[in-house]
N, C-alpha and C. Protein backbone atom coordinates (compact mmCIF):
# COMPACT_ATOMS: atom_id res chain seq x y z
N MET A 1 2.97 10.24 -29.77
CA MET A 1 4.08 10.64 -28.91
C MET A 1 3.64 10.54 -27.44
N MET A 2 4.46 9.88 -26.64
CA MET A 2 4.15 9.68 -25.23
C MET A 2 4.58 10.90 -24.42
N THR A 3 3.68 11.38 -23.55
CA THR A 3 4.01 12.50 -22.69
C THR A 3 4.88 12.01 -21.53
N ILE A 4 5.53 12.94 -20.86
CA ILE A 4 6.34 12.60 -19.69
C ILE A 4 5.46 11.97 -18.62
N ARG A 5 4.25 12.52 -18.45
CA ARG A 5 3.32 11.98 -17.46
C ARG A 5 2.98 10.52 -17.78
N ALA A 6 2.68 10.25 -19.03
CA ALA A 6 2.34 8.88 -19.41
C ALA A 6 3.54 7.95 -19.24
N PHE A 7 4.74 8.44 -19.56
CA PHE A 7 5.95 7.63 -19.38
C PHE A 7 6.17 7.31 -17.91
N ARG A 8 6.05 8.32 -17.04
CA ARG A 8 6.22 8.09 -15.60
C ARG A 8 5.18 7.11 -15.07
N ALA A 9 3.94 7.26 -15.53
CA ALA A 9 2.88 6.36 -15.09
C ALA A 9 3.16 4.94 -15.56
N ARG A 10 3.61 4.80 -16.79
CA ARG A 10 3.86 3.47 -17.34
C ARG A 10 5.00 2.77 -16.63
N SER A 11 6.01 3.51 -16.19
CA SER A 11 7.16 2.89 -15.55
C SER A 11 6.98 2.67 -14.05
N ALA A 12 5.92 3.23 -13.46
CA ALA A 12 5.68 3.07 -12.03
C ALA A 12 5.23 1.65 -11.71
N ARG A 13 5.52 1.19 -10.51
CA ARG A 13 5.08 -0.13 -10.06
C ARG A 13 3.64 -0.10 -9.58
N LEU A 14 3.21 1.03 -9.02
CA LEU A 14 1.82 1.22 -8.59
C LEU A 14 1.34 2.58 -9.08
N ARG A 15 0.13 2.59 -9.64
CA ARG A 15 -0.46 3.83 -10.13
C ARG A 15 -1.78 4.08 -9.41
N PHE A 16 -1.98 5.32 -8.98
CA PHE A 16 -3.20 5.72 -8.29
C PHE A 16 -3.77 6.95 -8.98
N ARG A 17 -5.07 6.97 -9.17
CA ARG A 17 -5.75 8.21 -9.55
C ARG A 17 -5.69 9.13 -8.33
N PRO A 18 -5.60 10.44 -8.54
CA PRO A 18 -5.48 11.36 -7.40
C PRO A 18 -6.61 11.22 -6.37
N ASP A 19 -7.84 10.99 -6.83
CA ASP A 19 -8.95 10.87 -5.88
C ASP A 19 -8.83 9.62 -5.03
N LEU A 20 -8.37 8.52 -5.60
CA LEU A 20 -8.20 7.29 -4.81
C LEU A 20 -7.07 7.46 -3.80
N TRP A 21 -5.95 8.05 -4.22
CA TRP A 21 -4.83 8.31 -3.30
C TRP A 21 -5.30 9.18 -2.14
N ALA A 22 -6.00 10.27 -2.44
CA ALA A 22 -6.47 11.19 -1.40
C ALA A 22 -7.43 10.46 -0.45
N HIS A 23 -8.31 9.64 -1.00
CA HIS A 23 -9.24 8.90 -0.15
C HIS A 23 -8.49 7.91 0.73
N LEU A 24 -7.51 7.20 0.16
CA LEU A 24 -6.71 6.24 0.92
C LEU A 24 -6.00 6.92 2.08
N VAL A 25 -5.31 8.01 1.81
CA VAL A 25 -4.59 8.73 2.87
C VAL A 25 -5.56 9.23 3.94
N GLY A 26 -6.66 9.82 3.50
CA GLY A 26 -7.64 10.34 4.45
C GLY A 26 -8.27 9.25 5.30
N GLU A 27 -8.57 8.15 4.67
CA GLU A 27 -9.20 7.05 5.41
C GLU A 27 -8.22 6.40 6.39
N LEU A 28 -6.95 6.26 6.00
CA LEU A 28 -5.95 5.73 6.93
C LEU A 28 -5.78 6.69 8.12
N ALA A 29 -5.76 7.98 7.84
CA ALA A 29 -5.65 8.98 8.92
C ALA A 29 -6.85 8.88 9.87
N ARG A 30 -8.04 8.77 9.31
CA ARG A 30 -9.25 8.68 10.13
C ARG A 30 -9.25 7.41 10.98
N ARG A 31 -8.92 6.29 10.36
CA ARG A 31 -8.96 5.02 11.08
C ARG A 31 -7.88 4.93 12.15
N GLY A 32 -6.73 5.53 11.90
CA GLY A 32 -5.64 5.50 12.87
C GLY A 32 -5.77 6.54 13.96
N ARG A 33 -6.63 7.54 13.74
CA ARG A 33 -6.92 8.59 14.74
C ARG A 33 -5.67 9.33 15.21
N GLY A 34 -4.58 9.23 14.47
CA GLY A 34 -3.38 9.94 14.87
C GLY A 34 -2.60 9.29 15.99
N ASP A 35 -3.02 8.08 16.42
CA ASP A 35 -2.31 7.46 17.54
C ASP A 35 -2.10 5.96 17.40
N ARG A 36 -2.44 5.39 16.24
CA ARG A 36 -2.17 3.97 16.06
C ARG A 36 -1.96 3.67 14.57
N GLU A 37 -1.24 2.60 14.35
CA GLU A 37 -1.01 2.15 12.98
C GLU A 37 -2.29 1.59 12.39
N THR A 38 -2.43 1.75 11.10
CA THR A 38 -3.53 1.16 10.37
C THR A 38 -3.04 0.85 8.97
N GLY A 39 -3.84 0.15 8.19
CA GLY A 39 -3.37 -0.22 6.87
C GLY A 39 -4.45 -0.75 5.97
N ALA A 40 -4.03 -1.16 4.78
CA ALA A 40 -4.96 -1.65 3.77
C ALA A 40 -4.22 -2.48 2.74
N PHE A 41 -4.97 -3.31 2.04
CA PHE A 41 -4.45 -4.00 0.87
C PHE A 41 -4.82 -3.20 -0.37
N LEU A 42 -3.93 -3.16 -1.33
CA LEU A 42 -4.13 -2.44 -2.59
C LEU A 42 -4.53 -3.44 -3.65
N LEU A 43 -5.63 -3.16 -4.34
CA LEU A 43 -6.22 -4.12 -5.27
C LEU A 43 -6.21 -3.58 -6.70
N SER A 44 -6.02 -4.48 -7.64
CA SER A 44 -5.96 -4.14 -9.07
C SER A 44 -6.73 -5.19 -9.86
N PRO A 45 -7.35 -4.82 -10.97
CA PRO A 45 -8.08 -5.81 -11.77
C PRO A 45 -7.19 -6.97 -12.19
N ARG A 46 -7.71 -8.19 -12.11
CA ARG A 46 -6.94 -9.36 -12.54
C ARG A 46 -6.59 -9.29 -14.01
N SER A 47 -7.44 -8.67 -14.80
CA SER A 47 -7.21 -8.63 -16.24
C SER A 47 -6.18 -7.57 -16.64
N GLY A 48 -5.77 -6.71 -15.72
CA GLY A 48 -4.83 -5.64 -16.04
C GLY A 48 -3.38 -6.05 -15.83
N ASP A 49 -2.52 -5.04 -15.85
CA ASP A 49 -1.08 -5.29 -15.72
C ASP A 49 -0.61 -5.36 -14.27
N GLY A 50 -1.52 -5.20 -13.31
CA GLY A 50 -1.16 -5.30 -11.90
C GLY A 50 -0.50 -4.06 -11.34
N ARG A 51 -0.58 -2.96 -12.06
CA ARG A 51 0.02 -1.72 -11.58
C ARG A 51 -1.00 -0.68 -11.16
N THR A 52 -2.19 -0.76 -11.72
CA THR A 52 -3.21 0.25 -11.47
C THR A 52 -4.07 -0.15 -10.28
N VAL A 53 -3.96 0.61 -9.20
CA VAL A 53 -4.76 0.35 -8.01
C VAL A 53 -6.14 0.96 -8.23
N THR A 54 -7.15 0.13 -8.16
CA THR A 54 -8.52 0.58 -8.38
C THR A 54 -9.40 0.45 -7.14
N ALA A 55 -8.93 -0.28 -6.15
CA ALA A 55 -9.73 -0.48 -4.94
C ALA A 55 -8.80 -0.75 -3.77
N VAL A 56 -9.36 -0.60 -2.58
CA VAL A 56 -8.61 -0.77 -1.35
C VAL A 56 -9.46 -1.59 -0.38
N ALA A 57 -8.82 -2.51 0.32
CA ALA A 57 -9.49 -3.28 1.38
C ALA A 57 -8.78 -2.96 2.69
N TYR A 58 -9.47 -2.27 3.58
CA TYR A 58 -8.87 -1.82 4.84
C TYR A 58 -8.77 -2.97 5.83
N LEU A 59 -7.64 -3.02 6.52
CA LEU A 59 -7.37 -4.14 7.42
C LEU A 59 -8.45 -4.31 8.48
N ASP A 60 -8.89 -3.20 9.06
CA ASP A 60 -9.87 -3.32 10.15
C ASP A 60 -11.28 -3.65 9.65
N ASP A 61 -11.54 -3.49 8.35
CA ASP A 61 -12.80 -3.99 7.79
C ASP A 61 -12.74 -5.51 7.66
N LEU A 62 -11.56 -6.01 7.31
CA LEU A 62 -11.37 -7.45 7.12
C LEU A 62 -11.21 -8.18 8.46
N ASP A 63 -10.54 -7.54 9.40
CA ASP A 63 -10.27 -8.12 10.72
C ASP A 63 -10.40 -7.01 11.76
N PRO A 64 -11.59 -6.83 12.34
CA PRO A 64 -11.80 -5.74 13.29
C PRO A 64 -10.85 -5.73 14.48
N ALA A 65 -10.24 -6.85 14.78
CA ALA A 65 -9.32 -6.92 15.92
C ALA A 65 -7.86 -6.67 15.53
N SER A 66 -7.62 -6.21 14.31
CA SER A 66 -6.24 -6.12 13.80
C SER A 66 -5.48 -4.88 14.28
N LEU A 67 -6.16 -3.84 14.66
CA LEU A 67 -5.48 -2.58 15.02
C LEU A 67 -5.42 -2.44 16.52
N VAL A 68 -4.26 -2.75 17.06
CA VAL A 68 -4.08 -2.75 18.51
C VAL A 68 -2.84 -1.95 18.89
N GLY A 69 -2.64 -0.82 18.26
CA GLY A 69 -1.40 -0.06 18.41
C GLY A 69 -0.52 -0.35 17.22
N GLY A 70 0.02 -1.57 17.18
CA GLY A 70 0.65 -2.10 15.98
C GLY A 70 -0.44 -2.82 15.21
N ILE A 71 -0.05 -3.55 14.19
CA ILE A 71 -1.03 -4.29 13.38
C ILE A 71 -0.84 -5.78 13.62
N HIS A 72 -1.91 -6.45 13.98
CA HIS A 72 -1.90 -7.90 14.16
C HIS A 72 -3.06 -8.46 13.33
N PHE A 73 -2.77 -8.77 12.08
CA PHE A 73 -3.79 -9.23 11.14
C PHE A 73 -3.92 -10.73 11.24
N HIS A 74 -5.15 -11.20 11.42
CA HIS A 74 -5.40 -12.62 11.65
C HIS A 74 -5.90 -13.33 10.40
N MET A 75 -5.85 -14.64 10.41
CA MET A 75 -6.22 -15.46 9.25
C MET A 75 -7.64 -15.21 8.76
N VAL A 76 -8.57 -14.91 9.65
CA VAL A 76 -9.94 -14.65 9.24
C VAL A 76 -9.99 -13.51 8.23
N GLY A 77 -9.13 -12.53 8.41
CA GLY A 77 -9.09 -11.39 7.49
C GLY A 77 -8.65 -11.79 6.09
N TYR A 78 -7.72 -12.73 6.00
CA TYR A 78 -7.28 -13.19 4.67
C TYR A 78 -8.41 -13.91 3.94
N GLY A 79 -9.21 -14.68 4.66
CA GLY A 79 -10.36 -15.34 4.03
C GLY A 79 -11.31 -14.33 3.42
N LEU A 80 -11.60 -13.26 4.16
CA LEU A 80 -12.48 -12.21 3.63
C LEU A 80 -11.82 -11.48 2.46
N LEU A 81 -10.51 -11.27 2.55
CA LEU A 81 -9.79 -10.63 1.43
C LEU A 81 -9.90 -11.46 0.17
N TRP A 82 -9.68 -12.77 0.27
CA TRP A 82 -9.76 -13.63 -0.93
C TRP A 82 -11.18 -13.66 -1.48
N ASN A 83 -12.18 -13.57 -0.60
CA ASN A 83 -13.57 -13.50 -1.07
C ASN A 83 -13.81 -12.23 -1.88
N ILE A 84 -13.28 -11.10 -1.41
CA ILE A 84 -13.40 -9.84 -2.16
C ILE A 84 -12.71 -9.97 -3.51
N CYS A 85 -11.53 -10.57 -3.51
CA CYS A 85 -10.79 -10.72 -4.77
C CYS A 85 -11.58 -11.56 -5.77
N ASP A 86 -12.18 -12.65 -5.31
CA ASP A 86 -12.99 -13.49 -6.19
C ASP A 86 -14.24 -12.76 -6.66
N ARG A 87 -14.92 -12.12 -5.74
CA ARG A 87 -16.18 -11.43 -6.06
C ARG A 87 -15.98 -10.29 -7.05
N ASP A 88 -14.90 -9.51 -6.85
CA ASP A 88 -14.68 -8.31 -7.65
C ASP A 88 -13.68 -8.50 -8.79
N ASP A 89 -13.19 -9.74 -8.95
CA ASP A 89 -12.21 -10.06 -9.99
C ASP A 89 -10.98 -9.15 -9.92
N VAL A 90 -10.45 -9.00 -8.71
CA VAL A 90 -9.25 -8.21 -8.47
C VAL A 90 -8.18 -9.08 -7.82
N ARG A 91 -6.99 -8.54 -7.74
CA ARG A 91 -5.89 -9.22 -7.07
C ARG A 91 -5.16 -8.23 -6.17
N VAL A 92 -4.47 -8.75 -5.19
CA VAL A 92 -3.69 -7.92 -4.28
C VAL A 92 -2.36 -7.61 -4.96
N VAL A 93 -2.04 -6.31 -5.08
CA VAL A 93 -0.78 -5.91 -5.69
C VAL A 93 0.15 -5.22 -4.71
N GLY A 94 -0.34 -5.01 -3.50
CA GLY A 94 0.50 -4.39 -2.49
C GLY A 94 -0.30 -4.18 -1.21
N ASP A 95 0.38 -3.63 -0.24
CA ASP A 95 -0.30 -3.21 0.98
C ASP A 95 0.30 -1.90 1.43
N VAL A 96 -0.39 -1.23 2.29
CA VAL A 96 0.07 0.04 2.84
C VAL A 96 -0.23 0.02 4.33
N HIS A 97 0.68 0.58 5.11
CA HIS A 97 0.37 0.79 6.51
C HIS A 97 1.10 2.04 6.99
N THR A 98 0.66 2.53 8.13
CA THR A 98 1.19 3.78 8.66
C THR A 98 2.15 3.52 9.80
N HIS A 99 3.03 4.48 9.99
CA HIS A 99 3.96 4.49 11.12
C HIS A 99 3.85 5.83 11.84
N PRO A 100 4.21 5.87 13.12
CA PRO A 100 4.29 7.15 13.81
C PRO A 100 5.53 7.91 13.35
N GLY A 101 5.56 9.19 13.52
CA GLY A 101 6.76 9.97 13.21
C GLY A 101 7.11 9.97 11.73
N THR A 102 8.36 10.26 11.45
CA THR A 102 8.80 10.45 10.07
C THR A 102 9.34 9.20 9.41
N SER A 103 9.59 8.15 10.17
CA SER A 103 10.23 6.97 9.60
C SER A 103 9.28 6.19 8.71
N VAL A 104 9.74 5.92 7.49
CA VAL A 104 8.98 5.07 6.56
C VAL A 104 9.77 3.80 6.27
N ARG A 105 10.74 3.52 7.12
CA ARG A 105 11.49 2.26 7.03
C ARG A 105 10.66 1.17 7.70
N GLN A 106 10.87 -0.04 7.26
CA GLN A 106 10.16 -1.15 7.89
C GLN A 106 10.76 -1.44 9.26
N SER A 107 9.89 -1.81 10.17
CA SER A 107 10.36 -2.27 11.47
C SER A 107 10.85 -3.70 11.31
N CYS A 108 11.51 -4.22 12.33
CA CYS A 108 11.93 -5.64 12.31
C CYS A 108 10.71 -6.55 12.19
N ILE A 109 9.61 -6.15 12.82
CA ILE A 109 8.38 -6.93 12.74
C ILE A 109 7.84 -6.92 11.31
N ASP A 110 7.85 -5.75 10.67
CA ASP A 110 7.40 -5.66 9.27
C ASP A 110 8.22 -6.58 8.37
N GLN A 111 9.54 -6.53 8.53
CA GLN A 111 10.43 -7.32 7.68
C GLN A 111 10.21 -8.82 7.87
N ALA A 112 9.97 -9.21 9.10
CA ALA A 112 9.82 -10.64 9.40
C ALA A 112 8.42 -11.17 9.07
N ASN A 113 7.46 -10.28 8.88
CA ASN A 113 6.07 -10.69 8.69
C ASN A 113 5.42 -9.96 7.52
N PRO A 114 5.82 -10.26 6.29
CA PRO A 114 5.17 -9.59 5.16
C PRO A 114 3.67 -9.90 5.15
N MET A 115 2.88 -8.91 4.78
CA MET A 115 1.43 -9.11 4.72
C MET A 115 1.07 -10.14 3.66
N LEU A 116 1.85 -10.21 2.61
CA LEU A 116 1.69 -11.22 1.57
C LEU A 116 3.09 -11.68 1.18
N ALA A 117 3.48 -12.85 1.61
CA ALA A 117 4.84 -13.35 1.39
C ALA A 117 4.98 -13.92 -0.02
N ARG A 118 4.89 -13.02 -0.98
CA ARG A 118 5.02 -13.39 -2.38
C ARG A 118 6.06 -12.48 -3.02
N VAL A 119 7.03 -13.07 -3.70
CA VAL A 119 8.10 -12.29 -4.32
C VAL A 119 7.48 -11.24 -5.25
N GLY A 120 7.92 -10.01 -5.10
CA GLY A 120 7.42 -8.90 -5.90
C GLY A 120 6.35 -8.08 -5.21
N HIS A 121 5.79 -8.60 -4.11
CA HIS A 121 4.75 -7.86 -3.38
C HIS A 121 5.35 -6.55 -2.85
N LEU A 122 4.60 -5.46 -2.97
CA LEU A 122 5.05 -4.15 -2.50
C LEU A 122 4.34 -3.77 -1.20
N ALA A 123 5.13 -3.33 -0.25
CA ALA A 123 4.61 -2.83 1.02
C ALA A 123 4.97 -1.35 1.11
N VAL A 124 3.97 -0.51 1.24
CA VAL A 124 4.15 0.94 1.31
C VAL A 124 3.97 1.36 2.76
N VAL A 125 4.88 2.20 3.25
CA VAL A 125 4.79 2.72 4.62
C VAL A 125 4.62 4.23 4.55
N MET A 126 3.57 4.74 5.21
CA MET A 126 3.30 6.17 5.27
C MET A 126 3.68 6.72 6.64
N PRO A 127 4.24 7.93 6.69
CA PRO A 127 4.64 8.52 7.97
C PRO A 127 3.47 9.18 8.71
N HIS A 128 3.72 9.55 9.96
CA HIS A 128 2.81 10.35 10.80
C HIS A 128 1.39 9.80 10.85
N PHE A 129 1.26 8.47 10.85
CA PHE A 129 -0.07 7.85 10.87
C PHE A 129 -0.96 8.40 9.75
N ALA A 130 -0.35 8.83 8.63
CA ALA A 130 -1.04 9.39 7.46
C ALA A 130 -1.77 10.70 7.78
N GLN A 131 -1.40 11.35 8.85
CA GLN A 131 -2.01 12.63 9.19
C GLN A 131 -1.39 13.70 8.30
N GLY A 132 -2.19 14.56 7.74
CA GLY A 132 -1.69 15.61 6.85
C GLY A 132 -1.53 15.08 5.44
N GLN A 133 -0.85 15.87 4.63
CA GLN A 133 -0.67 15.50 3.22
C GLN A 133 0.46 14.49 3.08
N VAL A 134 0.20 13.41 2.38
CA VAL A 134 1.21 12.39 2.12
C VAL A 134 1.38 12.29 0.61
N ARG A 135 2.59 12.52 0.14
CA ARG A 135 2.91 12.40 -1.28
C ARG A 135 3.75 11.14 -1.50
N ALA A 136 3.86 10.75 -2.76
CA ALA A 136 4.62 9.54 -3.09
C ALA A 136 6.07 9.64 -2.64
N ASN A 137 6.65 10.83 -2.64
CA ASN A 137 8.05 10.95 -2.21
C ASN A 137 8.21 11.01 -0.69
N ASN A 138 7.08 10.90 0.05
CA ASN A 138 7.13 10.86 1.52
C ASN A 138 7.06 9.45 2.07
N VAL A 139 6.82 8.46 1.22
CA VAL A 139 6.59 7.09 1.69
C VAL A 139 7.83 6.23 1.49
N GLY A 140 7.81 5.07 2.12
CA GLY A 140 8.79 4.03 1.84
C GLY A 140 8.10 2.96 1.01
N VAL A 141 8.79 2.47 0.00
CA VAL A 141 8.25 1.39 -0.83
C VAL A 141 9.21 0.21 -0.67
N HIS A 142 8.67 -0.91 -0.22
CA HIS A 142 9.48 -2.08 0.11
C HIS A 142 9.00 -3.27 -0.71
N GLU A 143 9.89 -3.79 -1.53
CA GLU A 143 9.55 -4.93 -2.38
C GLU A 143 10.06 -6.21 -1.74
N TYR A 144 9.16 -7.16 -1.57
CA TYR A 144 9.52 -8.43 -0.97
C TYR A 144 10.26 -9.29 -1.98
N LEU A 145 11.44 -9.76 -1.60
CA LEU A 145 12.30 -10.56 -2.48
C LEU A 145 12.41 -12.01 -2.04
N GLY A 146 11.56 -12.44 -1.14
CA GLY A 146 11.62 -13.81 -0.65
C GLY A 146 12.71 -13.96 0.40
N GLU A 147 13.41 -15.08 0.35
CA GLU A 147 14.45 -15.36 1.35
C GLU A 147 15.56 -14.33 1.37
N VAL A 148 15.74 -13.61 0.28
CA VAL A 148 16.78 -12.57 0.18
C VAL A 148 16.45 -11.38 1.07
N GLY A 149 15.17 -11.13 1.31
CA GLY A 149 14.75 -10.00 2.13
C GLY A 149 13.93 -9.00 1.35
N TRP A 150 14.31 -7.74 1.45
CA TRP A 150 13.53 -6.65 0.89
C TRP A 150 14.41 -5.69 0.11
N ARG A 151 13.85 -5.08 -0.92
CA ARG A 151 14.48 -3.94 -1.61
C ARG A 151 13.67 -2.72 -1.20
N CYS A 152 14.36 -1.75 -0.59
CA CYS A 152 13.67 -0.60 -0.02
C CYS A 152 14.00 0.67 -0.80
N SER A 153 12.98 1.49 -1.02
CA SER A 153 13.13 2.74 -1.77
C SER A 153 12.48 3.87 -1.00
N TYR A 154 13.14 5.02 -1.02
CA TYR A 154 12.67 6.19 -0.28
C TYR A 154 12.79 7.44 -1.15
N ALA A 155 12.06 8.47 -0.75
CA ALA A 155 12.14 9.79 -1.36
C ALA A 155 11.95 9.72 -2.87
N ARG A 156 12.91 10.21 -3.63
CA ARG A 156 12.79 10.28 -5.08
C ARG A 156 12.57 8.91 -5.71
N GLU A 157 13.27 7.90 -5.22
CA GLU A 157 13.10 6.55 -5.78
C GLU A 157 11.70 6.00 -5.47
N ALA A 158 11.17 6.28 -4.30
CA ALA A 158 9.81 5.86 -3.98
C ALA A 158 8.82 6.53 -4.93
N ALA A 159 9.06 7.81 -5.23
CA ALA A 159 8.17 8.54 -6.14
C ALA A 159 8.26 8.01 -7.57
N ARG A 160 9.34 7.35 -7.92
CA ARG A 160 9.42 6.70 -9.24
C ARG A 160 8.59 5.43 -9.28
N LEU A 161 8.45 4.79 -8.13
CA LEU A 161 7.72 3.53 -8.06
C LEU A 161 6.22 3.72 -7.88
N ILE A 162 5.82 4.84 -7.29
CA ILE A 162 4.41 5.13 -7.07
C ILE A 162 4.05 6.38 -7.85
N TYR A 163 3.09 6.23 -8.73
CA TYR A 163 2.63 7.39 -9.51
C TYR A 163 1.23 7.75 -9.06
N VAL A 164 1.04 9.01 -8.73
CA VAL A 164 -0.26 9.54 -8.36
C VAL A 164 -0.59 10.62 -9.38
N GLY A 165 -1.59 10.39 -10.18
CA GLY A 165 -1.96 11.38 -11.20
C GLY A 165 -2.79 10.74 -12.29
N ARG A 166 -3.01 11.50 -13.32
CA ARG A 166 -3.75 11.01 -14.50
C ARG A 166 -2.73 10.59 -15.55
N TRP A 167 -3.06 9.56 -16.30
CA TRP A 167 -2.13 9.07 -17.31
C TRP A 167 -2.78 8.72 -18.62
N ALA A 168 -4.07 8.70 -18.65
CA ALA A 168 -4.72 8.35 -19.91
C ALA A 168 -5.84 9.31 -20.23
């Protein structure tokens, strides 16, 4: 018999263990210092279903010049990202970045410049530069649909797409 927790985890688009989620939020808060956007790519084993996030590649580790108030990620960073994916046998399943204030909607720049322009890619936006506690129902989850644009989810719907907890 499947528990409610296992059902929620199975139906989520991205799953995080609580310790990884807490580390991600804390690290984004630290790197952004409360006054600039920062972000990361979310990685999952290639052999898995692409929902379980097991590792994170921070934008400024890949491209030290990427955090300049907003995010300007350069091609050199993608080369390093693909090297990590090959080395660790993982794939990119999403990205996350922070915004100032309470808005977790994508900016016009975000919409026009997906971090990975692949249909189905998920972009997560965290409020308040990730300062303080960030829960799944506090973020925006934006699915890239290609030329059609984006499908955006907030609050309760975002929490259905992102599961933070134990499931197995």
